[in-house]
Amino acid sequence: MTAAVTVSRRIAASADRLFDAWLDPVSLAVWMRRDGSEPSNVVADPRVGGAFTITMNDPGGSFVHAGSYTVIDRPHTLEFTWRSIATHHTDSVVRVTFRPDGDATVVEVRHEQLPDAEAVQQHTEGWTEIIDRFARTLAENGDA
């Protein structure tokens, strides 16, 4: 069985600014993490075929998430593979889209090819926390 998770938020910032934040290791370290965790350690080569590693530093330990960029269409679509203990160390696919909406942008994260119901639950919770932190961090009048 493979399954998917979709999370979206309308964020008061431009598509360009939000898109770039997904490719900037310094920015990713701040918001790409679970609630209650320390900033992540991020290494990224943001180009099609380039790899990334995000180590989330949760209270229960450090968890490595890795993948490679497959689509970089600024500022519309970003797609990458995603592999971690929660995907049973097999590649899944994350597609992030950025749709301008007046003075804001709707950011949608769709995570596909998850291996089982437990992975769906974990990633639903994780992406919800992450997109909320992303919105708080990158809103035009926030601390970015």
N, C-alpha and C. Protein backbone atom coordinates (compact mmCIF):
# COMPACT_ATOMS: atom_id res chain seq x y z
N MET A 1 0.84 -1.18 0.00
CA MET A 1 0.00 0.00 0.00
C MET A 1 0.88 1.25 0.00
N THR A 2 0.52 2.20 -0.83
CA THR A 2 1.16 3.50 -0.74
C THR A 2 0.07 4.53 -0.53
N ALA A 3 0.40 5.57 0.17
CA ALA A 3 -0.60 6.57 0.50
C ALA A 3 0.04 7.95 0.44
N ALA A 4 -0.82 8.98 0.61
CA ALA A 4 -0.35 10.35 0.49
C ALA A 4 -0.92 11.22 1.60
N VAL A 5 -0.24 12.33 1.83
CA VAL A 5 -0.64 13.35 2.80
C VAL A 5 -0.59 14.68 2.07
N THR A 6 -1.60 15.53 2.29
CA THR A 6 -1.58 16.87 1.73
C THR A 6 -1.89 17.87 2.84
N VAL A 7 -1.04 18.90 2.95
CA VAL A 7 -1.21 19.96 3.93
C VAL A 7 -1.01 21.28 3.19
N SER A 8 -1.87 22.27 3.45
CA SER A 8 -1.68 23.57 2.79
C SER A 8 -1.98 24.70 3.75
N ARG A 9 -1.37 25.86 3.47
CA ARG A 9 -1.58 27.06 4.26
C ARG A 9 -1.49 28.26 3.35
N ARG A 10 -2.27 29.28 3.64
CA ARG A 10 -2.17 30.58 2.97
C ARG A 10 -1.25 31.43 3.84
N ILE A 11 -0.17 31.91 3.24
CA ILE A 11 0.87 32.62 3.99
C ILE A 11 1.05 34.02 3.40
N ALA A 12 1.10 35.01 4.26
CA ALA A 12 1.23 36.41 3.85
C ALA A 12 2.66 36.73 3.44
N ALA A 13 3.07 36.19 2.30
CA ALA A 13 4.40 36.45 1.75
C ALA A 13 4.35 36.09 0.27
N SER A 14 5.32 36.59 -0.49
CA SER A 14 5.35 36.32 -1.93
C SER A 14 5.77 34.88 -2.21
N ALA A 15 5.34 34.38 -3.36
CA ALA A 15 5.72 33.03 -3.78
C ALA A 15 7.24 32.92 -3.92
N ASP A 16 7.87 33.97 -4.45
CA ASP A 16 9.34 33.95 -4.59
C ASP A 16 10.02 33.76 -3.24
N ARG A 17 9.60 34.54 -2.27
CA ARG A 17 10.22 34.48 -0.94
C ARG A 17 10.01 33.11 -0.29
N LEU A 18 8.80 32.60 -0.39
CA LEU A 18 8.49 31.29 0.22
C LEU A 18 9.23 30.17 -0.50
N PHE A 19 9.25 30.21 -1.82
CA PHE A 19 9.96 29.19 -2.59
C PHE A 19 11.43 29.16 -2.19
N ASP A 20 12.06 30.34 -2.16
CA ASP A 20 13.49 30.41 -1.83
C ASP A 20 13.79 29.86 -0.45
N ALA A 21 12.86 30.03 0.49
CA ALA A 21 13.07 29.54 1.86
C ALA A 21 13.17 28.02 1.90
N TRP A 22 12.56 27.33 0.93
CA TRP A 22 12.63 25.86 0.88
C TRP A 22 13.98 25.37 0.37
N LEU A 23 14.75 26.26 -0.23
CA LEU A 23 16.05 25.86 -0.79
C LEU A 23 17.23 26.40 0.00
N ASP A 24 16.98 27.25 0.97
CA ASP A 24 18.03 27.88 1.76
C ASP A 24 18.29 27.07 3.04
N PRO A 25 19.48 26.47 3.18
CA PRO A 25 19.76 25.65 4.36
C PRO A 25 19.58 26.38 5.68
N VAL A 26 19.93 27.67 5.74
CA VAL A 26 19.80 28.44 6.99
C VAL A 26 18.32 28.58 7.36
N SER A 27 17.50 28.89 6.38
CA SER A 27 16.06 29.01 6.62
C SER A 27 15.45 27.65 6.99
N LEU A 28 15.79 26.63 6.23
CA LEU A 28 15.27 25.28 6.51
C LEU A 28 15.56 24.85 7.94
N ALA A 29 16.75 25.15 8.43
CA ALA A 29 17.14 24.73 9.79
C ALA A 29 16.20 25.31 10.84
N VAL A 30 15.67 26.51 10.57
CA VAL A 30 14.81 27.19 11.54
C VAL A 30 13.42 26.56 11.60
N TRP A 31 12.80 26.29 10.45
CA TRP A 31 11.40 25.88 10.46
C TRP A 31 11.15 24.42 10.07
N MET A 32 12.11 23.73 9.48
CA MET A 32 11.91 22.33 9.07
C MET A 32 12.24 21.42 10.25
N ARG A 33 11.29 21.38 11.20
CA ARG A 33 11.46 20.56 12.41
C ARG A 33 10.12 20.41 13.10
N ARG A 34 10.06 19.47 14.01
CA ARG A 34 8.85 19.21 14.78
C ARG A 34 8.76 20.17 15.96
N ASP A 35 7.56 20.34 16.49
CA ASP A 35 7.37 21.16 17.68
C ASP A 35 8.19 20.59 18.84
N GLY A 36 8.77 21.47 19.64
CA GLY A 36 9.54 21.05 20.81
C GLY A 36 10.95 20.60 20.50
N SER A 37 11.37 20.71 19.24
CA SER A 37 12.72 20.27 18.88
C SER A 37 13.65 21.45 18.68
N GLU A 38 14.93 21.17 18.68
CA GLU A 38 15.95 22.17 18.41
C GLU A 38 16.02 22.40 16.90
N PRO A 39 16.66 23.51 16.46
CA PRO A 39 16.82 23.71 15.02
C PRO A 39 17.49 22.49 14.37
N SER A 40 17.12 22.27 13.13
CA SER A 40 17.67 21.13 12.37
C SER A 40 19.06 21.47 11.85
N ASN A 41 19.81 20.43 11.52
CA ASN A 41 21.08 20.58 10.81
C ASN A 41 20.77 20.26 9.35
N VAL A 42 21.09 21.19 8.46
CA VAL A 42 20.71 21.05 7.05
C VAL A 42 21.93 21.21 6.15
N VAL A 43 22.09 20.27 5.23
CA VAL A 43 23.07 20.37 4.15
C VAL A 43 22.26 20.21 2.88
N ALA A 44 22.39 21.17 1.94
CA ALA A 44 21.59 21.10 0.72
C ALA A 44 22.37 21.58 -0.49
N ASP A 45 22.17 20.90 -1.60
CA ASP A 45 22.70 21.29 -2.90
C ASP A 45 21.48 21.54 -3.78
N PRO A 46 20.90 22.76 -3.69
CA PRO A 46 19.60 23.04 -4.30
C PRO A 46 19.63 23.22 -5.82
N ARG A 47 19.75 22.09 -6.51
CA ARG A 47 19.69 22.04 -7.96
C ARG A 47 19.08 20.70 -8.34
N VAL A 48 18.49 20.60 -9.52
CA VAL A 48 17.92 19.33 -9.94
C VAL A 48 19.04 18.28 -9.94
N GLY A 49 18.81 17.20 -9.23
CA GLY A 49 19.82 16.15 -9.07
C GLY A 49 20.66 16.33 -7.82
N GLY A 50 20.60 17.51 -7.20
CA GLY A 50 21.35 17.77 -5.98
C GLY A 50 20.68 17.10 -4.79
N ALA A 51 21.47 16.79 -3.79
CA ALA A 51 20.97 16.08 -2.61
C ALA A 51 20.84 17.02 -1.42
N PHE A 52 20.06 16.57 -0.44
CA PHE A 52 19.95 17.29 0.83
C PHE A 52 19.90 16.28 1.95
N THR A 53 20.29 16.74 3.13
CA THR A 53 20.14 15.98 4.36
C THR A 53 19.65 16.94 5.43
N ILE A 54 18.56 16.56 6.08
CA ILE A 54 18.00 17.36 7.16
C ILE A 54 17.99 16.46 8.40
N THR A 55 18.75 16.85 9.40
CA THR A 55 18.77 16.10 10.65
C THR A 55 17.92 16.86 11.66
N MET A 56 16.77 16.28 11.99
CA MET A 56 15.87 16.89 12.96
C MET A 56 16.29 16.45 14.35
N ASN A 57 16.48 17.42 15.23
CA ASN A 57 16.98 17.18 16.58
C ASN A 57 15.84 17.21 17.58
N ASP A 58 15.10 16.11 17.65
CA ASP A 58 13.95 16.00 18.55
C ASP A 58 14.41 15.62 19.95
N PRO A 59 13.58 15.86 20.97
CA PRO A 59 13.94 15.46 22.33
C PRO A 59 14.28 13.96 22.43
N GLY A 60 13.66 13.15 21.59
CA GLY A 60 13.90 11.70 21.63
C GLY A 60 15.09 11.24 20.82
N GLY A 61 15.81 12.17 20.19
CA GLY A 61 16.97 11.80 19.39
C GLY A 61 17.02 12.57 18.10
N SER A 62 18.04 12.28 17.32
CA SER A 62 18.21 12.93 16.01
C SER A 62 17.73 11.99 14.92
N PHE A 63 16.98 12.56 13.96
CA PHE A 63 16.40 11.76 12.88
C PHE A 63 16.80 12.37 11.55
N VAL A 64 17.42 11.56 10.70
CA VAL A 64 17.93 12.02 9.41
C VAL A 64 16.87 11.82 8.33
N HIS A 65 16.66 12.88 7.55
CA HIS A 65 15.78 12.86 6.39
C HIS A 65 16.66 13.25 5.21
N ALA A 66 16.63 12.47 4.15
CA ALA A 66 17.51 12.74 3.01
C ALA A 66 16.73 12.56 1.71
N GLY A 67 17.26 13.15 0.67
CA GLY A 67 16.64 13.01 -0.63
C GLY A 67 17.39 13.80 -1.67
N SER A 68 16.76 13.90 -2.84
CA SER A 68 17.36 14.70 -3.91
C SER A 68 16.25 15.47 -4.63
N TYR A 69 16.65 16.60 -5.17
CA TYR A 69 15.71 17.49 -5.87
C TYR A 69 15.45 16.95 -7.27
N THR A 70 14.18 16.82 -7.63
CA THR A 70 13.81 16.32 -8.96
C THR A 70 13.18 17.40 -9.83
N VAL A 71 12.53 18.40 -9.22
CA VAL A 71 11.94 19.52 -9.95
C VAL A 71 12.19 20.80 -9.15
N ILE A 72 12.76 21.81 -9.81
CA ILE A 72 12.90 23.13 -9.22
C ILE A 72 12.40 24.12 -10.27
N ASP A 73 11.16 24.53 -10.14
CA ASP A 73 10.51 25.44 -11.08
C ASP A 73 10.10 26.69 -10.30
N ARG A 74 11.06 27.60 -10.10
CA ARG A 74 10.86 28.78 -9.27
C ARG A 74 9.89 29.74 -9.94
N PRO A 75 8.93 30.29 -9.24
CA PRO A 75 8.52 30.05 -7.85
C PRO A 75 7.25 29.21 -7.76
N HIS A 76 7.10 28.22 -8.63
CA HIS A 76 5.84 27.48 -8.71
C HIS A 76 5.86 26.12 -8.02
N THR A 77 6.87 25.32 -8.33
CA THR A 77 6.87 23.92 -7.89
C THR A 77 8.26 23.48 -7.47
N LEU A 78 8.29 22.76 -6.37
CA LEU A 78 9.52 22.13 -5.89
C LEU A 78 9.17 20.68 -5.59
N GLU A 79 9.96 19.76 -6.13
CA GLU A 79 9.70 18.34 -5.87
C GLU A 79 11.02 17.66 -5.53
N PHE A 80 10.93 16.75 -4.55
CA PHE A 80 12.13 16.05 -4.11
C PHE A 80 11.75 14.69 -3.54
N THR A 81 12.73 13.79 -3.54
CA THR A 81 12.52 12.51 -2.86
C THR A 81 12.74 12.75 -1.37
N TRP A 82 12.17 11.86 -0.55
CA TRP A 82 12.24 12.00 0.91
C TRP A 82 12.37 10.60 1.49
N ARG A 83 13.44 10.40 2.25
CA ARG A 83 13.74 9.08 2.81
C ARG A 83 14.13 9.25 4.27
N SER A 84 13.53 8.44 5.12
CA SER A 84 13.85 8.50 6.56
C SER A 84 13.44 7.19 7.20
N ILE A 85 13.65 7.10 8.50
CA ILE A 85 13.21 5.91 9.23
C ILE A 85 11.69 5.74 9.10
N ALA A 86 10.96 6.85 9.04
CA ALA A 86 9.49 6.80 8.96
C ALA A 86 8.99 6.32 7.59
N THR A 87 9.85 6.37 6.56
CA THR A 87 9.48 5.82 5.25
C THR A 87 10.15 4.46 5.04
N HIS A 88 10.64 3.88 6.13
CA HIS A 88 11.34 2.60 6.10
C HIS A 88 12.58 2.67 5.20
N HIS A 89 13.20 3.85 5.19
CA HIS A 89 14.42 4.10 4.41
C HIS A 89 14.23 3.85 2.92
N THR A 90 13.00 4.04 2.44
CA THR A 90 12.74 3.98 1.00
C THR A 90 12.28 5.36 0.55
N ASP A 91 12.53 5.67 -0.72
CA ASP A 91 12.16 6.98 -1.23
C ASP A 91 10.66 7.15 -1.32
N SER A 92 10.20 8.31 -0.87
CA SER A 92 8.85 8.79 -1.11
C SER A 92 9.03 10.09 -1.87
N VAL A 93 7.94 10.73 -2.26
CA VAL A 93 8.04 11.94 -3.08
C VAL A 93 7.25 13.08 -2.43
N VAL A 94 7.90 14.24 -2.29
CA VAL A 94 7.26 15.44 -1.77
C VAL A 94 7.20 16.47 -2.89
N ARG A 95 6.00 17.02 -3.09
CA ARG A 95 5.79 18.08 -4.09
C ARG A 95 5.21 19.28 -3.36
N VAL A 96 5.91 20.42 -3.46
CA VAL A 96 5.47 21.66 -2.82
C VAL A 96 5.11 22.63 -3.94
N THR A 97 3.87 23.15 -3.87
CA THR A 97 3.44 24.13 -4.87
C THR A 97 3.16 25.46 -4.19
N PHE A 98 3.35 26.52 -4.95
CA PHE A 98 3.22 27.89 -4.46
C PHE A 98 2.28 28.62 -5.41
N ARG A 99 1.08 28.98 -4.93
CA ARG A 99 0.08 29.63 -5.77
C ARG A 99 -0.25 31.00 -5.21
N PRO A 100 0.12 32.06 -5.94
CA PRO A 100 -0.21 33.41 -5.48
C PRO A 100 -1.72 33.55 -5.26
N ASP A 101 -2.08 34.25 -4.17
CA ASP A 101 -3.49 34.46 -3.80
C ASP A 101 -3.60 35.85 -3.19
N GLY A 102 -3.82 36.85 -4.05
CA GLY A 102 -3.88 38.22 -3.57
C GLY A 102 -2.54 38.65 -3.00
N ASP A 103 -2.54 39.10 -1.75
CA ASP A 103 -1.29 39.55 -1.12
C ASP A 103 -0.59 38.43 -0.36
N ALA A 104 -0.95 37.20 -0.68
CA ALA A 104 -0.38 36.05 0.00
C ALA A 104 -0.10 34.94 -1.02
N THR A 105 0.31 33.78 -0.51
CA THR A 105 0.58 32.62 -1.35
C THR A 105 0.03 31.38 -0.64
N VAL A 106 -0.63 30.53 -1.40
CA VAL A 106 -1.07 29.25 -0.86
C VAL A 106 0.05 28.25 -1.12
N VAL A 107 0.58 27.69 -0.05
CA VAL A 107 1.64 26.70 -0.13
C VAL A 107 1.02 25.34 0.17
N GLU A 108 1.18 24.41 -0.75
CA GLU A 108 0.65 23.06 -0.55
C GLU A 108 1.79 22.06 -0.57
N VAL A 109 1.84 21.22 0.45
CA VAL A 109 2.82 20.14 0.54
C VAL A 109 2.06 18.84 0.33
N ARG A 110 2.43 18.09 -0.69
CA ARG A 110 1.83 16.78 -0.95
C ARG A 110 2.95 15.74 -0.88
N HIS A 111 2.81 14.83 0.06
CA HIS A 111 3.81 13.78 0.27
C HIS A 111 3.19 12.46 -0.16
N GLU A 112 3.76 11.86 -1.21
CA GLU A 112 3.21 10.65 -1.81
C GLU A 112 4.15 9.46 -1.62
N GLN A 113 3.62 8.29 -1.90
CA GLN A 113 4.35 7.02 -1.85
C GLN A 113 4.82 6.67 -0.45
N LEU A 114 3.99 7.03 0.54
CA LEU A 114 4.28 6.63 1.92
C LEU A 114 3.95 5.16 2.06
N PRO A 115 4.74 4.42 2.84
CA PRO A 115 4.62 2.96 2.83
C PRO A 115 3.45 2.37 3.60
N ASP A 116 2.91 3.06 4.60
CA ASP A 116 1.86 2.44 5.40
C ASP A 116 1.09 3.49 6.20
N ALA A 117 0.05 3.05 6.90
CA ALA A 117 -0.82 3.96 7.65
C ALA A 117 -0.06 4.69 8.75
N GLU A 118 0.89 4.02 9.39
CA GLU A 118 1.68 4.67 10.43
C GLU A 118 2.49 5.83 9.85
N ALA A 119 3.08 5.62 8.66
CA ALA A 119 3.85 6.69 8.00
C ALA A 119 2.94 7.85 7.62
N VAL A 120 1.71 7.54 7.20
CA VAL A 120 0.75 8.60 6.86
C VAL A 120 0.45 9.43 8.11
N GLN A 121 0.19 8.78 9.22
CA GLN A 121 -0.11 9.50 10.46
C GLN A 121 1.08 10.35 10.89
N GLN A 122 2.27 9.77 10.90
CA GLN A 122 3.47 10.50 11.32
C GLN A 122 3.71 11.72 10.44
N HIS A 123 3.55 11.55 9.13
CA HIS A 123 3.82 12.65 8.21
C HIS A 123 2.69 13.68 8.20
N THR A 124 1.47 13.27 8.47
CA THR A 124 0.38 14.25 8.61
C THR A 124 0.67 15.17 9.78
N GLU A 125 1.03 14.59 10.92
CA GLU A 125 1.37 15.39 12.10
C GLU A 125 2.62 16.24 11.84
N GLY A 126 3.64 15.63 11.26
CA GLY A 126 4.90 16.33 11.03
C GLY A 126 4.75 17.49 10.06
N TRP A 127 4.14 17.24 8.90
CA TRP A 127 4.00 18.32 7.92
C TRP A 127 3.08 19.42 8.43
N THR A 128 2.07 19.07 9.22
CA THR A 128 1.18 20.09 9.78
C THR A 128 1.97 21.01 10.70
N GLU A 129 2.78 20.45 11.58
CA GLU A 129 3.60 21.27 12.48
C GLU A 129 4.60 22.10 11.69
N ILE A 130 5.22 21.49 10.68
CA ILE A 130 6.25 22.17 9.90
C ILE A 130 5.65 23.32 9.09
N ILE A 131 4.53 23.09 8.42
CA ILE A 131 3.93 24.16 7.60
C ILE A 131 3.41 25.29 8.49
N ASP A 132 2.95 24.95 9.69
CA ASP A 132 2.55 26.00 10.63
C ASP A 132 3.75 26.85 11.05
N ARG A 133 4.87 26.20 11.37
CA ARG A 133 6.08 26.93 11.76
C ARG A 133 6.60 27.74 10.56
N PHE A 134 6.54 27.16 9.37
CA PHE A 134 6.95 27.85 8.15
C PHE A 134 6.14 29.13 7.98
N ALA A 135 4.83 29.02 8.15
CA ALA A 135 3.94 30.19 8.00
C ALA A 135 4.28 31.26 9.03
N ARG A 136 4.48 30.85 10.28
CA ARG A 136 4.81 31.82 11.32
C ARG A 136 6.16 32.49 11.05
N THR A 137 7.11 31.72 10.57
CA THR A 137 8.47 32.23 10.35
C THR A 137 8.55 33.14 9.14
N LEU A 138 7.82 32.81 8.07
CA LEU A 138 8.00 33.51 6.82
C LEU A 138 6.92 34.53 6.47
N ALA A 139 5.94 34.71 7.32
CA ALA A 139 4.94 35.74 7.03
C ALA A 139 5.66 37.08 6.88
N GLU A 140 5.18 37.89 6.01
CA GLU A 140 5.85 39.16 5.67
C GLU A 140 6.22 39.98 6.90
N ASN A 141 5.38 39.99 7.92
CA ASN A 141 5.68 40.81 9.09
C ASN A 141 6.28 40.00 10.23
N GLY A 142 6.76 38.80 9.93
CA GLY A 142 7.33 37.94 10.96
C GLY A 142 8.84 38.05 11.00
N ASP A 143 9.45 37.18 11.77
CA ASP A 143 10.91 37.13 11.88
C ASP A 143 11.44 36.19 10.84
N ALA A 144 11.93 36.69 9.73
CA ALA A 144 12.42 35.82 8.67
C ALA A 144 13.90 35.99 8.48
